[in-house]
Amino acid sequence: MSKGQCDAQEAEAGSTSTQGPARRYIEISVVSVMEREFAALEEKISSASARIGAEYFQLPVADADSVYRERVYCYEFYHQLRCEWGDFAFSLGGEVDKIGNPHFRDGPYARSKPDLLVHQPGNMNRNLACIEVKPYTGDAREFRNDLLKLTWFCRHAGYYRGLFIVYGSEAGDTQDRDLLKAKLRKASEGHEEVDIARIVLWAHAAAGRQGERINDV
């Protein structure tokens, strides 16, 4: 091997050895930024949820008990979240149609429309959160479908986090929380395609109260 070839190999090796740590530093920095931005999103969600009135939480029905209607809650949640948005550096979209996007051509959820998307359109590196909403009365199968969708968007569309919001209650705070955790465990356990580590879970128990994150499911 000539001296020139040897020098070239050493230079390449040196470049490779420094590229690894530098790349890891960049990746960690990006995650730190996204984590701060996601925390800011959660603060907005907390404030917005507290302003959702009872008529959106459970829809009044003539001569019958009020009922949970997911669309009614979602539209008011979107409105209240928009009121909190300010100059937050992301777009908030409701039921965005991804048909035609080359990143969504294949897969079981390529044509799905999540309840809400928080992203910067046109920049796949700035997909912050995919959000799904379900009433407390939904069953484990319905919960599982949303958890699968959120996992798919995180794994295949580069969303930093999935966010699953469950609203409503039945039996009182403590019992409701335990029942909800049990339902979420049933929806996710034994299903490899559900990555609960990528999904943040929120409960919004009653109108006029802030929603809150659920930990230790």
N, C-alpha and C. Protein backbone atom coordinates (compact mmCIF):
# COMPACT_ATOMS: atom_id res chain seq x y z
N MET A 1 0.86 -1.20 0.00
CA MET A 1 0.00 0.00 0.00
C MET A 1 0.89 1.24 0.00
N SER A 2 0.56 2.21 -0.86
CA SER A 2 1.36 3.43 -0.94
C SER A 2 1.06 4.33 0.26
N LYS A 3 1.97 5.28 0.50
CA LYS A 3 1.78 6.22 1.61
C LYS A 3 0.50 7.02 1.41
N GLY A 4 0.23 7.36 0.13
CA GLY A 4 -0.97 8.15 -0.13
C GLY A 4 -2.23 7.38 0.22
N GLN A 5 -2.26 6.07 -0.13
CA GLN A 5 -3.42 5.25 0.19
C GLN A 5 -3.59 5.10 1.70
N CYS A 6 -2.46 4.92 2.38
CA CYS A 6 -2.50 4.78 3.83
C CYS A 6 -3.05 6.05 4.49
N ASP A 7 -2.58 7.21 4.04
CA ASP A 7 -3.05 8.48 4.59
C ASP A 7 -4.55 8.65 4.34
N ALA A 8 -5.01 8.24 3.17
CA ALA A 8 -6.43 8.38 2.83
C ALA A 8 -7.29 7.52 3.74
N GLN A 9 -6.81 6.26 4.01
CA GLN A 9 -7.56 5.37 4.88
C GLN A 9 -7.63 5.92 6.31
N GLU A 10 -6.50 6.49 6.79
CA GLU A 10 -6.49 7.05 8.14
C GLU A 10 -7.45 8.24 8.24
N ALA A 11 -7.45 9.05 7.18
CA ALA A 11 -8.35 10.22 7.18
C ALA A 11 -9.80 9.79 7.21
N GLU A 12 -10.12 8.74 6.42
CA GLU A 12 -11.48 8.22 6.39
C GLU A 12 -11.88 7.64 7.74
N ALA A 13 -10.96 6.90 8.36
CA ALA A 13 -11.24 6.31 9.66
C ALA A 13 -11.48 7.40 10.71
N GLY A 14 -10.67 8.46 10.64
CA GLY A 14 -10.85 9.56 11.59
C GLY A 14 -12.18 10.23 11.41
N SER A 15 -12.59 10.41 10.14
CA SER A 15 -13.89 11.03 9.86
C SER A 15 -15.02 10.20 10.40
N THR A 16 -14.92 8.86 10.23
CA THR A 16 -15.97 7.96 10.70
C THR A 16 -16.07 7.97 12.21
N SER A 17 -14.90 8.00 12.88
CA SER A 17 -14.91 7.93 14.34
C SER A 17 -15.54 9.17 14.97
N THR A 18 -15.39 10.33 14.30
CA THR A 18 -15.98 11.55 14.85
C THR A 18 -17.42 11.72 14.41
N GLN A 19 -17.80 11.11 13.26
CA GLN A 19 -19.15 11.27 12.76
C GLN A 19 -20.16 10.61 13.68
N GLY A 20 -19.82 9.44 14.26
CA GLY A 20 -20.75 8.73 15.13
C GLY A 20 -21.20 9.57 16.30
N PRO A 21 -20.28 10.04 17.16
CA PRO A 21 -20.68 10.87 18.30
C PRO A 21 -21.40 12.14 17.87
N ALA A 22 -20.93 12.76 16.78
CA ALA A 22 -21.57 13.99 16.32
C ALA A 22 -23.01 13.73 15.91
N ARG A 23 -23.22 12.64 15.20
CA ARG A 23 -24.58 12.30 14.77
C ARG A 23 -25.46 11.99 15.97
N ARG A 24 -24.91 11.25 16.94
CA ARG A 24 -25.69 10.95 18.13
C ARG A 24 -26.07 12.23 18.88
N TYR A 25 -25.13 13.19 18.93
CA TYR A 25 -25.41 14.46 19.61
C TYR A 25 -26.54 15.19 18.90
N ILE A 26 -26.51 15.20 17.58
CA ILE A 26 -27.57 15.86 16.81
C ILE A 26 -28.91 15.19 17.06
N GLU A 27 -28.92 13.85 17.05
CA GLU A 27 -30.16 13.12 17.28
C GLU A 27 -30.72 13.41 18.67
N ILE A 28 -29.85 13.42 19.69
CA ILE A 28 -30.29 13.72 21.05
C ILE A 28 -30.83 15.15 21.14
N SER A 29 -30.17 16.07 20.45
CA SER A 29 -30.62 17.46 20.47
C SER A 29 -32.00 17.60 19.85
N VAL A 30 -32.22 16.91 18.72
CA VAL A 30 -33.52 16.95 18.06
C VAL A 30 -34.61 16.40 18.97
N VAL A 31 -34.32 15.27 19.64
CA VAL A 31 -35.29 14.67 20.55
C VAL A 31 -35.59 15.63 21.70
N SER A 32 -34.57 16.29 22.23
CA SER A 32 -34.77 17.23 23.33
C SER A 32 -35.68 18.37 22.91
N VAL A 33 -35.49 18.88 21.70
CA VAL A 33 -36.33 19.96 21.19
C VAL A 33 -37.76 19.47 21.04
N MET A 34 -37.96 18.29 20.46
CA MET A 34 -39.30 17.76 20.27
C MET A 34 -39.97 17.48 21.60
N GLU A 35 -39.21 17.02 22.58
CA GLU A 35 -39.78 16.75 23.90
C GLU A 35 -40.29 18.05 24.54
N ARG A 36 -39.53 19.13 24.40
CA ARG A 36 -39.98 20.42 24.93
C ARG A 36 -41.22 20.89 24.19
N GLU A 37 -41.25 20.70 22.90
CA GLU A 37 -42.41 21.15 22.11
C GLU A 37 -43.64 20.29 22.44
N PHE A 38 -43.42 19.02 22.68
CA PHE A 38 -44.55 18.17 23.06
C PHE A 38 -45.08 18.57 24.44
N ALA A 39 -44.19 18.91 25.35
CA ALA A 39 -44.62 19.39 26.67
C ALA A 39 -45.45 20.66 26.54
N ALA A 40 -45.05 21.55 25.63
CA ALA A 40 -45.82 22.78 25.39
C ALA A 40 -47.20 22.45 24.83
N LEU A 41 -47.26 21.43 23.96
CA LEU A 41 -48.55 20.99 23.42
C LEU A 41 -49.45 20.47 24.54
N GLU A 42 -48.89 19.68 25.45
CA GLU A 42 -49.69 19.15 26.55
C GLU A 42 -50.24 20.27 27.45
N GLU A 43 -49.48 21.33 27.64
CA GLU A 43 -49.99 22.46 28.41
C GLU A 43 -51.18 23.10 27.72
N LYS A 44 -51.11 23.21 26.41
CA LYS A 44 -52.23 23.78 25.65
C LYS A 44 -53.46 22.87 25.73
N ILE A 45 -53.22 21.57 25.66
CA ILE A 45 -54.32 20.61 25.76
C ILE A 45 -54.99 20.70 27.12
N SER A 46 -54.19 20.83 28.16
CA SER A 46 -54.72 20.92 29.52
C SER A 46 -55.64 22.14 29.65
N SER A 47 -55.17 23.28 29.15
CA SER A 47 -55.97 24.51 29.24
C SER A 47 -57.22 24.43 28.37
N ALA A 48 -57.07 23.91 27.16
CA ALA A 48 -58.20 23.83 26.23
C ALA A 48 -59.28 22.90 26.75
N SER A 49 -58.88 21.78 27.33
CA SER A 49 -59.86 20.79 27.79
C SER A 49 -60.75 21.35 28.90
N ALA A 50 -60.20 22.23 29.73
CA ALA A 50 -60.96 22.78 30.85
C ALA A 50 -62.10 23.68 30.38
N ARG A 51 -62.05 24.14 29.14
CA ARG A 51 -63.07 25.06 28.63
C ARG A 51 -64.15 24.36 27.79
N ILE A 52 -64.09 23.06 27.70
CA ILE A 52 -65.11 22.32 26.95
C ILE A 52 -66.36 22.19 27.82
N GLY A 53 -67.47 22.74 27.34
CA GLY A 53 -68.70 22.76 28.12
C GLY A 53 -69.42 21.43 28.12
N ALA A 54 -70.38 21.31 29.04
CA ALA A 54 -71.11 20.05 29.22
C ALA A 54 -71.88 19.66 27.97
N GLU A 55 -72.38 20.64 27.21
CA GLU A 55 -73.18 20.32 26.02
C GLU A 55 -72.35 19.69 24.91
N TYR A 56 -71.02 19.87 24.97
CA TYR A 56 -70.12 19.22 24.01
C TYR A 56 -69.59 17.90 24.56
N PHE A 57 -69.58 17.82 25.87
CA PHE A 57 -69.09 16.61 26.53
C PHE A 57 -70.08 15.47 26.36
N GLN A 58 -71.33 15.77 26.65
CA GLN A 58 -72.42 14.82 26.42
C GLN A 58 -73.55 15.57 25.73
N LEU A 59 -73.91 15.11 24.56
CA LEU A 59 -74.88 15.81 23.74
C LEU A 59 -76.29 15.64 24.31
N PRO A 60 -76.99 16.76 24.59
CA PRO A 60 -78.38 16.64 25.05
C PRO A 60 -79.27 16.01 23.98
N VAL A 61 -80.17 15.14 24.41
CA VAL A 61 -81.10 14.48 23.50
C VAL A 61 -82.52 14.72 24.01
N ALA A 62 -83.44 15.13 23.13
CA ALA A 62 -84.81 15.42 23.54
C ALA A 62 -85.47 14.18 24.13
N ASP A 63 -86.02 14.35 25.34
CA ASP A 63 -86.77 13.28 26.01
C ASP A 63 -85.94 12.02 26.25
N ALA A 64 -84.65 12.19 26.44
CA ALA A 64 -83.78 11.04 26.71
C ALA A 64 -82.52 11.53 27.43
N ASP A 65 -81.74 10.57 27.93
CA ASP A 65 -80.48 10.92 28.59
C ASP A 65 -79.48 11.47 27.58
N SER A 66 -78.60 12.35 28.06
CA SER A 66 -77.52 12.85 27.21
C SER A 66 -76.61 11.70 26.80
N VAL A 67 -75.98 11.84 25.65
CA VAL A 67 -75.14 10.76 25.14
C VAL A 67 -73.77 11.31 24.74
N TYR A 68 -72.76 10.44 24.78
CA TYR A 68 -71.44 10.80 24.30
C TYR A 68 -71.43 10.74 22.77
N ARG A 69 -70.95 11.83 22.15
CA ARG A 69 -70.79 11.86 20.70
C ARG A 69 -69.37 12.36 20.41
N GLU A 70 -68.54 11.44 19.92
CA GLU A 70 -67.12 11.73 19.75
C GLU A 70 -66.88 12.94 18.85
N ARG A 71 -67.63 13.04 17.74
CA ARG A 71 -67.41 14.15 16.80
C ARG A 71 -67.70 15.49 17.46
N VAL A 72 -68.77 15.55 18.24
CA VAL A 72 -69.14 16.80 18.90
C VAL A 72 -68.04 17.26 19.84
N TYR A 73 -67.52 16.33 20.64
CA TYR A 73 -66.42 16.65 21.55
C TYR A 73 -65.18 17.08 20.77
N CYS A 74 -64.84 16.33 19.73
CA CYS A 74 -63.61 16.60 18.96
C CYS A 74 -63.64 17.99 18.33
N TYR A 75 -64.77 18.39 17.76
CA TYR A 75 -64.84 19.68 17.10
C TYR A 75 -64.68 20.82 18.11
N GLU A 76 -65.28 20.68 19.28
CA GLU A 76 -65.12 21.72 20.30
C GLU A 76 -63.70 21.70 20.87
N PHE A 77 -63.14 20.50 21.04
CA PHE A 77 -61.76 20.40 21.50
C PHE A 77 -60.81 21.08 20.52
N TYR A 78 -61.04 20.85 19.23
CA TYR A 78 -60.23 21.50 18.19
C TYR A 78 -60.35 23.03 18.30
N HIS A 79 -61.58 23.52 18.47
CA HIS A 79 -61.81 24.96 18.57
C HIS A 79 -61.07 25.55 19.78
N GLN A 80 -61.21 24.91 20.93
CA GLN A 80 -60.57 25.42 22.14
C GLN A 80 -59.05 25.33 22.05
N LEU A 81 -58.55 24.29 21.40
CA LEU A 81 -57.11 24.15 21.24
C LEU A 81 -56.57 25.23 20.29
N ARG A 82 -57.34 25.56 19.25
CA ARG A 82 -56.94 26.63 18.35
C ARG A 82 -56.86 27.97 19.10
N CYS A 83 -57.77 28.18 20.04
CA CYS A 83 -57.75 29.41 20.83
C CYS A 83 -56.48 29.50 21.69
N GLU A 84 -55.89 28.37 22.02
CA GLU A 84 -54.67 28.33 22.83
C GLU A 84 -53.41 28.38 21.98
N TRP A 85 -53.54 28.26 20.68
CA TRP A 85 -52.40 27.96 19.80
C TRP A 85 -51.35 29.07 19.78
N GLY A 86 -51.78 30.33 19.66
CA GLY A 86 -50.83 31.43 19.61
C GLY A 86 -49.85 31.28 18.45
N ASP A 87 -48.56 31.47 18.73
CA ASP A 87 -47.54 31.36 17.69
C ASP A 87 -46.81 30.02 17.74
N PHE A 88 -47.47 29.01 18.29
CA PHE A 88 -46.87 27.67 18.35
C PHE A 88 -46.48 27.25 16.94
N ALA A 89 -45.26 26.73 16.78
CA ALA A 89 -44.66 26.54 15.46
C ALA A 89 -45.13 25.28 14.73
N PHE A 90 -46.39 24.92 14.90
CA PHE A 90 -46.93 23.74 14.22
C PHE A 90 -48.33 24.05 13.72
N SER A 91 -48.75 23.28 12.74
CA SER A 91 -50.12 23.38 12.23
C SER A 91 -50.99 22.36 12.97
N LEU A 92 -52.22 22.76 13.30
CA LEU A 92 -53.19 21.86 13.91
C LEU A 92 -54.24 21.55 12.86
N GLY A 93 -54.30 20.27 12.46
CA GLY A 93 -55.24 19.86 11.43
C GLY A 93 -56.21 18.81 11.93
N GLY A 94 -57.46 18.93 11.51
CA GLY A 94 -58.48 17.97 11.90
C GLY A 94 -58.81 17.02 10.77
N GLU A 95 -58.70 15.70 11.03
CA GLU A 95 -59.03 14.65 10.06
C GLU A 95 -58.37 14.90 8.70
N VAL A 96 -57.05 15.12 8.74
CA VAL A 96 -56.30 15.42 7.52
C VAL A 96 -56.24 14.19 6.62
N ASP A 97 -56.56 14.38 5.35
CA ASP A 97 -56.53 13.31 4.37
C ASP A 97 -55.12 13.20 3.80
N LYS A 98 -54.48 12.03 3.97
CA LYS A 98 -53.10 11.84 3.52
C LYS A 98 -53.00 11.20 2.13
N ILE A 99 -54.13 11.00 1.48
CA ILE A 99 -54.11 10.39 0.15
C ILE A 99 -53.30 11.28 -0.80
N GLY A 100 -52.36 10.67 -1.53
CA GLY A 100 -51.50 11.41 -2.44
C GLY A 100 -50.13 11.68 -1.88
N ASN A 101 -49.98 11.58 -0.57
CA ASN A 101 -48.66 11.74 0.05
C ASN A 101 -47.86 10.46 -0.19
N PRO A 102 -46.65 10.56 -0.79
CA PRO A 102 -45.88 9.35 -1.11
C PRO A 102 -45.49 8.52 0.09
N HIS A 103 -45.49 9.12 1.29
CA HIS A 103 -45.15 8.37 2.50
C HIS A 103 -46.33 7.56 3.03
N PHE A 104 -47.49 7.69 2.41
CA PHE A 104 -48.70 7.03 2.91
C PHE A 104 -49.35 6.16 1.85
N ARG A 105 -48.54 5.54 1.00
CA ARG A 105 -49.09 4.73 -0.08
C ARG A 105 -49.47 3.33 0.37
N ASP A 106 -48.75 2.81 1.35
CA ASP A 106 -48.95 1.42 1.76
C ASP A 106 -49.22 1.35 3.26
N GLY A 107 -49.75 0.20 3.67
CA GLY A 107 -49.98 -0.02 5.09
C GLY A 107 -51.44 0.09 5.45
N PRO A 108 -51.82 -0.49 6.58
CA PRO A 108 -53.23 -0.58 6.96
C PRO A 108 -53.87 0.77 7.28
N TYR A 109 -53.06 1.79 7.59
CA TYR A 109 -53.63 3.09 7.96
C TYR A 109 -53.22 4.20 7.00
N ALA A 110 -52.76 3.81 5.81
CA ALA A 110 -52.29 4.79 4.84
C ALA A 110 -53.41 5.75 4.41
N ARG A 111 -54.65 5.30 4.44
CA ARG A 111 -55.77 6.14 4.02
C ARG A 111 -56.63 6.63 5.20
N SER A 112 -56.15 6.41 6.40
CA SER A 112 -56.94 6.81 7.57
C SER A 112 -56.80 8.31 7.82
N LYS A 113 -57.74 8.83 8.61
CA LYS A 113 -57.76 10.25 8.96
C LYS A 113 -57.79 10.37 10.49
N PRO A 114 -56.64 10.55 11.11
CA PRO A 114 -56.62 10.73 12.58
C PRO A 114 -57.48 11.92 12.99
N ASP A 115 -57.95 11.91 14.22
CA ASP A 115 -58.79 13.01 14.69
C ASP A 115 -58.07 14.35 14.56
N LEU A 116 -56.81 14.40 14.99
CA LEU A 116 -56.02 15.62 14.91
C LEU A 116 -54.57 15.28 14.60
N LEU A 117 -53.92 16.15 13.84
CA LEU A 117 -52.49 16.04 13.58
C LEU A 117 -51.82 17.37 13.94
N VAL A 118 -50.69 17.27 14.62
CA VAL A 118 -49.89 18.45 14.96
C VAL A 118 -48.57 18.28 14.24
N HIS A 119 -48.34 19.11 13.22
CA HIS A 119 -47.16 18.91 12.37
C HIS A 119 -46.85 20.20 11.62
N GLN A 120 -45.77 20.15 10.85
CA GLN A 120 -45.46 21.20 9.90
C GLN A 120 -45.62 20.59 8.52
N PRO A 121 -46.72 20.88 7.82
CA PRO A 121 -46.97 20.26 6.51
C PRO A 121 -45.79 20.44 5.57
N GLY A 122 -45.42 19.34 4.91
CA GLY A 122 -44.32 19.37 3.97
C GLY A 122 -42.97 19.03 4.57
N ASN A 123 -42.91 18.84 5.88
CA ASN A 123 -41.65 18.53 6.55
C ASN A 123 -41.84 17.30 7.43
N MET A 124 -41.42 16.14 6.94
CA MET A 124 -41.61 14.90 7.68
C MET A 124 -40.79 14.83 8.97
N ASN A 125 -39.81 15.73 9.12
CA ASN A 125 -39.01 15.75 10.34
C ASN A 125 -39.66 16.58 11.45
N ARG A 126 -40.82 17.17 11.15
CA ARG A 126 -41.48 18.02 12.13
C ARG A 126 -42.91 17.54 12.37
N ASN A 127 -43.07 16.24 12.45
CA ASN A 127 -44.36 15.64 12.81
C ASN A 127 -44.38 15.43 14.32
N LEU A 128 -45.12 16.27 15.03
CA LEU A 128 -45.03 16.25 16.49
C LEU A 128 -45.98 15.25 17.13
N ALA A 129 -47.26 15.26 16.75
CA ALA A 129 -48.22 14.40 17.45
C ALA A 129 -49.38 14.03 16.55
N CYS A 130 -49.77 12.77 16.66
CA CYS A 130 -50.99 12.25 16.05
C CYS A 130 -51.96 11.98 17.20
N ILE A 131 -53.18 12.52 17.12
CA ILE A 131 -54.11 12.48 18.26
C ILE A 131 -55.39 11.73 17.89
N GLU A 132 -55.78 10.82 18.76
CA GLU A 132 -57.06 10.13 18.65
C GLU A 132 -57.86 10.34 19.93
N VAL A 133 -59.18 10.43 19.78
CA VAL A 133 -60.08 10.69 20.91
C VAL A 133 -61.14 9.60 20.96
N LYS A 134 -61.45 9.15 22.16
CA LYS A 134 -62.53 8.17 22.35
C LYS A 134 -63.29 8.49 23.64
N PRO A 135 -64.61 8.29 23.64
CA PRO A 135 -65.36 8.42 24.90
C PRO A 135 -65.04 7.26 25.82
N TYR A 136 -65.23 7.50 27.10
CA TYR A 136 -64.96 6.48 28.11
C TYR A 136 -65.75 5.20 27.84
N THR A 137 -66.92 5.34 27.22
CA THR A 137 -67.79 4.20 26.99
C THR A 137 -67.31 3.28 25.86
N GLY A 138 -66.27 3.67 25.12
CA GLY A 138 -65.73 2.80 24.09
C GLY A 138 -65.21 1.50 24.68
N ASP A 139 -65.28 0.43 23.91
CA ASP A 139 -64.81 -0.85 24.42
C ASP A 139 -63.33 -1.07 24.08
N ALA A 140 -62.76 -2.16 24.58
CA ALA A 140 -61.33 -2.43 24.39
C ALA A 140 -60.97 -2.57 22.91
N ARG A 141 -61.87 -3.12 22.11
CA ARG A 141 -61.61 -3.26 20.67
C ARG A 141 -61.47 -1.90 20.01
N GLU A 142 -62.36 -0.97 20.36
CA GLU A 142 -62.28 0.38 19.80
C GLU A 142 -61.00 1.08 20.25
N PHE A 143 -60.65 0.91 21.52
CA PHE A 143 -59.41 1.49 22.02
C PHE A 143 -58.21 0.91 21.25
N ARG A 144 -58.22 -0.41 21.05
CA ARG A 144 -57.11 -1.07 20.36
C ARG A 144 -56.94 -0.52 18.94
N ASN A 145 -58.01 -0.32 18.24
CA ASN A 145 -57.93 0.21 16.88
C ASN A 145 -57.23 1.57 16.85
N ASP A 146 -57.56 2.41 17.81
CA ASP A 146 -56.92 3.73 17.87
C ASP A 146 -55.46 3.61 18.27
N LEU A 147 -55.15 2.73 19.21
CA LEU A 147 -53.75 2.54 19.62
C LEU A 147 -52.91 1.98 18.47
N LEU A 148 -53.49 1.10 17.68
CA LEU A 148 -52.79 0.57 16.51
C LEU A 148 -52.53 1.67 15.49
N LYS A 149 -53.51 2.53 15.28
CA LYS A 149 -53.35 3.64 14.33
C LYS A 149 -52.26 4.60 14.80
N LEU A 150 -52.29 4.94 16.07
CA LEU A 150 -51.28 5.85 16.61
C LEU A 150 -49.87 5.25 16.50
N THR A 151 -49.74 3.97 16.80
CA THR A 151 -48.45 3.31 16.67
C THR A 151 -47.97 3.34 15.23
N TRP A 152 -48.87 3.08 14.29
CA TRP A 152 -48.50 3.07 12.87
C TRP A 152 -48.00 4.45 12.43
N PHE A 153 -48.67 5.51 12.86
CA PHE A 153 -48.25 6.86 12.48
C PHE A 153 -46.90 7.21 13.10
N CYS A 154 -46.62 6.72 14.29
CA CYS A 154 -45.31 6.96 14.90
C CYS A 154 -44.21 6.19 14.17
N ARG A 155 -44.48 4.94 13.85
CA ARG A 155 -43.45 4.09 13.24
C ARG A 155 -43.23 4.39 11.77
N HIS A 156 -44.27 4.69 11.04
CA HIS A 156 -44.17 4.78 9.58
C HIS A 156 -44.30 6.19 9.03
N ALA A 157 -44.77 7.12 9.83
CA ALA A 157 -44.91 8.49 9.35
C ALA A 157 -44.08 9.47 10.17
N GLY A 158 -43.27 8.95 11.07
CA GLY A 158 -42.32 9.79 11.79
C GLY A 158 -42.91 10.71 12.83
N TYR A 159 -44.11 10.41 13.33
CA TYR A 159 -44.67 11.26 14.39
C TYR A 159 -43.95 10.98 15.71
N TYR A 160 -43.61 12.06 16.41
CA TYR A 160 -42.84 11.93 17.63
C TYR A 160 -43.61 11.17 18.70
N ARG A 161 -44.89 11.46 18.84
CA ARG A 161 -45.72 10.79 19.82
C ARG A 161 -47.14 10.60 19.27
N GLY A 162 -47.76 9.51 19.70
CA GLY A 162 -49.19 9.38 19.57
C GLY A 162 -49.82 9.86 20.87
N LEU A 163 -51.00 10.45 20.76
CA LEU A 163 -51.67 10.96 21.96
C LEU A 163 -53.11 10.46 21.94
N PHE A 164 -53.47 9.68 22.94
CA PHE A 164 -54.80 9.07 23.02
C PHE A 164 -55.56 9.70 24.18
N ILE A 165 -56.64 10.41 23.85
CA ILE A 165 -57.43 11.13 24.85
C ILE A 165 -58.76 10.40 25.05
N VAL A 166 -59.03 10.02 26.29
CA VAL A 166 -60.29 9.37 26.63
C VAL A 166 -61.09 10.35 27.50
N TYR A 167 -62.31 10.66 27.06
CA TYR A 167 -63.11 11.62 27.83
C TYR A 167 -64.37 10.95 28.37
N GLY A 168 -64.83 11.48 29.53
CA GLY A 168 -66.03 10.95 30.15
C GLY A 168 -65.72 10.12 31.39
N SER A 169 -66.76 9.76 32.12
CA SER A 169 -66.61 8.97 33.33
C SER A 169 -67.93 8.30 33.66
N GLU A 170 -67.85 7.36 34.59
CA GLU A 170 -69.05 6.62 34.99
C GLU A 170 -69.17 6.48 36.51
N ALA A 171 -68.10 6.06 37.16
CA ALA A 171 -68.23 5.60 38.55
C ALA A 171 -67.57 6.50 39.59
N GLY A 172 -66.91 7.57 39.18
CA GLY A 172 -66.16 8.38 40.14
C GLY A 172 -64.68 8.31 39.85
N ASP A 173 -63.93 9.33 40.27
CA ASP A 173 -62.55 9.50 39.82
C ASP A 173 -61.66 8.28 40.00
N THR A 174 -61.54 7.80 41.24
CA THR A 174 -60.59 6.71 41.51
C THR A 174 -60.99 5.44 40.79
N GLN A 175 -62.25 5.07 40.90
CA GLN A 175 -62.70 3.84 40.26
C GLN A 175 -62.63 3.95 38.74
N ASP A 176 -63.02 5.13 38.21
CA ASP A 176 -62.94 5.33 36.77
C ASP A 176 -61.51 5.17 36.27
N ARG A 177 -60.56 5.76 37.00
CA ARG A 177 -59.17 5.69 36.57
C ARG A 177 -58.68 4.25 36.54
N ASP A 178 -59.03 3.46 37.56
CA ASP A 178 -58.63 2.05 37.59
C ASP A 178 -59.28 1.27 36.46
N LEU A 179 -60.56 1.53 36.21
CA LEU A 179 -61.26 0.83 35.13
C LEU A 179 -60.68 1.21 33.77
N LEU A 180 -60.33 2.48 33.60
CA LEU A 180 -59.75 2.93 32.35
C LEU A 180 -58.39 2.29 32.11
N LYS A 181 -57.56 2.23 33.15
CA LYS A 181 -56.25 1.59 33.00
C LYS A 181 -56.40 0.12 32.63
N ALA A 182 -57.38 -0.55 33.25
CA ALA A 182 -57.61 -1.96 32.94
C ALA A 182 -58.03 -2.12 31.49
N LYS A 183 -58.86 -1.22 31.01
CA LYS A 183 -59.32 -1.30 29.62
C LYS A 183 -58.17 -1.05 28.64
N LEU A 184 -57.31 -0.11 28.99
CA LEU A 184 -56.15 0.18 28.14
C LEU A 184 -55.17 -0.99 28.12
N ARG A 185 -54.99 -1.64 29.28
CA ARG A 185 -54.11 -2.82 29.31
C ARG A 185 -54.68 -3.93 28.44
N LYS A 186 -55.98 -4.14 28.54
CA LYS A 186 -56.63 -5.17 27.73
C LYS A 186 -56.49 -4.85 26.24
N ALA A 187 -56.56 -3.59 25.90
CA ALA A 187 -56.47 -3.18 24.50
C ALA A 187 -55.06 -3.34 23.93
N SER A 188 -54.04 -3.25 24.79
CA SER A 188 -52.66 -3.25 24.29
C SER A 188 -51.91 -4.55 24.54
N GLU A 189 -52.23 -5.28 25.59
CA GLU A 189 -51.46 -6.47 25.93
C GLU A 189 -51.65 -7.56 24.88
N GLY A 190 -50.53 -8.23 24.55
CA GLY A 190 -50.58 -9.33 23.59
C GLY A 190 -50.65 -8.87 22.15
N HIS A 191 -50.48 -7.57 21.90
CA HIS A 191 -50.53 -7.05 20.53
C HIS A 191 -49.21 -6.33 20.25
N GLU A 192 -48.33 -7.01 19.52
CA GLU A 192 -47.01 -6.46 19.25
C GLU A 192 -47.06 -5.18 18.44
N GLU A 193 -48.12 -4.98 17.68
CA GLU A 193 -48.23 -3.79 16.85
C GLU A 193 -48.68 -2.57 17.63
N VAL A 194 -49.00 -2.75 18.90
CA VAL A 194 -49.30 -1.61 19.77
C VAL A 194 -48.05 -1.29 20.58
N ASP A 195 -47.46 -0.13 20.32
CA ASP A 195 -46.27 0.30 21.05
C ASP A 195 -46.68 1.36 22.06
N ILE A 196 -47.06 0.93 23.24
CA ILE A 196 -47.60 1.85 24.24
C ILE A 196 -46.54 2.84 24.70
N ALA A 197 -45.26 2.53 24.49
CA ALA A 197 -44.19 3.44 24.89
C ALA A 197 -44.16 4.69 24.01
N ARG A 198 -44.73 4.60 22.80
CA ARG A 198 -44.75 5.75 21.89
C ARG A 198 -46.02 6.59 22.06
N ILE A 199 -46.93 6.14 22.92
CA ILE A 199 -48.24 6.77 23.03
C ILE A 199 -48.41 7.38 24.42
N VAL A 200 -48.83 8.63 24.46
CA VAL A 200 -49.15 9.31 25.71
C VAL A 200 -50.66 9.25 25.91
N LEU A 201 -51.07 8.84 27.09
CA LEU A 201 -52.49 8.64 27.40
C LEU A 201 -53.00 9.76 28.28
N TRP A 202 -54.17 10.30 27.91
CA TRP A 202 -54.81 11.37 28.68
C TRP A 202 -56.23 10.98 29.02
N ALA A 203 -56.69 11.43 30.20
CA ALA A 203 -58.08 11.25 30.61
C ALA A 203 -58.68 12.61 30.89
N HIS A 204 -59.88 12.83 30.36
CA HIS A 204 -60.62 14.07 30.62
C HIS A 204 -61.96 13.66 31.21
N ALA A 205 -62.03 13.70 32.52
CA ALA A 205 -63.14 13.05 33.23
C ALA A 205 -64.45 13.80 33.14
N ALA A 206 -64.41 15.14 33.16
CA ALA A 206 -65.67 15.88 33.25
C ALA A 206 -65.53 17.27 32.64
N ALA A 207 -66.66 17.80 32.18
CA ALA A 207 -66.69 19.16 31.64
C ALA A 207 -66.27 20.15 32.71
N GLY A 208 -65.52 21.19 32.29
CA GLY A 208 -65.08 22.21 33.22
C GLY A 208 -63.84 21.85 34.01
N ARG A 209 -63.31 20.66 33.77
CA ARG A 209 -62.09 20.22 34.45
C ARG A 209 -60.99 19.99 33.42
N GLN A 210 -59.76 20.16 33.85
CA GLN A 210 -58.63 19.91 32.97
C GLN A 210 -58.43 18.41 32.77
N GLY A 211 -58.10 18.03 31.56
CA GLY A 211 -57.64 16.68 31.33
C GLY A 211 -56.25 16.50 31.92
N GLU A 212 -55.84 15.25 32.09
CA GLU A 212 -54.52 14.99 32.67
C GLU A 212 -53.92 13.71 32.12
N ARG A 213 -52.62 13.69 32.14
CA ARG A 213 -51.90 12.52 31.63
C ARG A 213 -52.08 11.34 32.57
N ILE A 214 -52.19 10.15 31.98
CA ILE A 214 -52.27 8.90 32.75
C ILE A 214 -50.91 8.23 32.71
N ASN A 215 -50.35 7.93 33.86
CA ASN A 215 -49.08 7.24 33.92
C ASN A 215 -49.27 5.83 34.49
N ASP A 216 -48.30 4.98 34.27
CA ASP A 216 -48.27 3.63 34.86
C ASP A 216 -49.48 2.80 34.49
N VAL A 217 -49.75 2.72 33.20
CA VAL A 217 -50.88 1.88 32.75
C VAL A 217 -50.53 0.43 32.95
